Amino acid sequence: MHILSACDYPTTAWKNGGGTTRQILISPPGATLEDFDYRISMASVASDGPFSHFSGVDRQLLLLDGKGLLLQRGDGSRSLLQQHSQPLAFAGEEAITSQLQDGPVSDFNVMTRRSRYRQQTERLTVQGKQHVHSDDEVLLVMLAAGSTLDVYREDGRHCQLGLHDALWQEMAVGLTLFCAERADVIVVRLNRQSAA
């Protein structure tokens, strides 16, 4: 079990000046955008513009803060990301242009190399206790909104997460989440692709 503190996430500015990215987790350690197996990050989006092209990568995106982000998709359809909506899944090769709805937003982004990992991302509302079953190779839990979140593992270990802190584990150990008031929690499950 590893605790990832939001204050330690490295931040990089976009080349086009349209925002910044805070990297939560990348594998293997030290990987770049060209050779990662998976990458989990948050981004602050300050202007409209096209998404970066990631060949061979599956993505899921959800909104953390802001009024909304409208995505013009490659097939001509549109998808509106808003707070509390479930993640939007799409291929990294898809041509997508984003348009802010009413000011800057921040989002949560999961990217997996399609040939190596498959992903499942969901947003949970936790009030009181909630169990998260895990038989996954990689599990990440992040507090997206709320003051604190207590996390108890089936093996007896415990931690408390602050806003945007995350718990990351590479063991199939179930968790119990607890928040006395209300918390918005993101759960990411990653598993290796089976050989063909």
Foldseek 3Di string as FASTA:
>chain_A
DDKFAQVPFDKDADPVRQWIKGWRDWPPPPDDLQDTQKTKIKMKGFFKFKDAARPQKKKKKAWLDAAWKWKQWQVRDIDIHGPPDWIDIDHSHIIIIIGHDPGMTMMIMMMGRNQWKDKDKTKDKAAAKDKDFFPFQKKKKFFSDDAKKWKAWPVGDIDMDGHGMMDMDRHRIMIMIGDNGITIMMMMGMHTDDDD
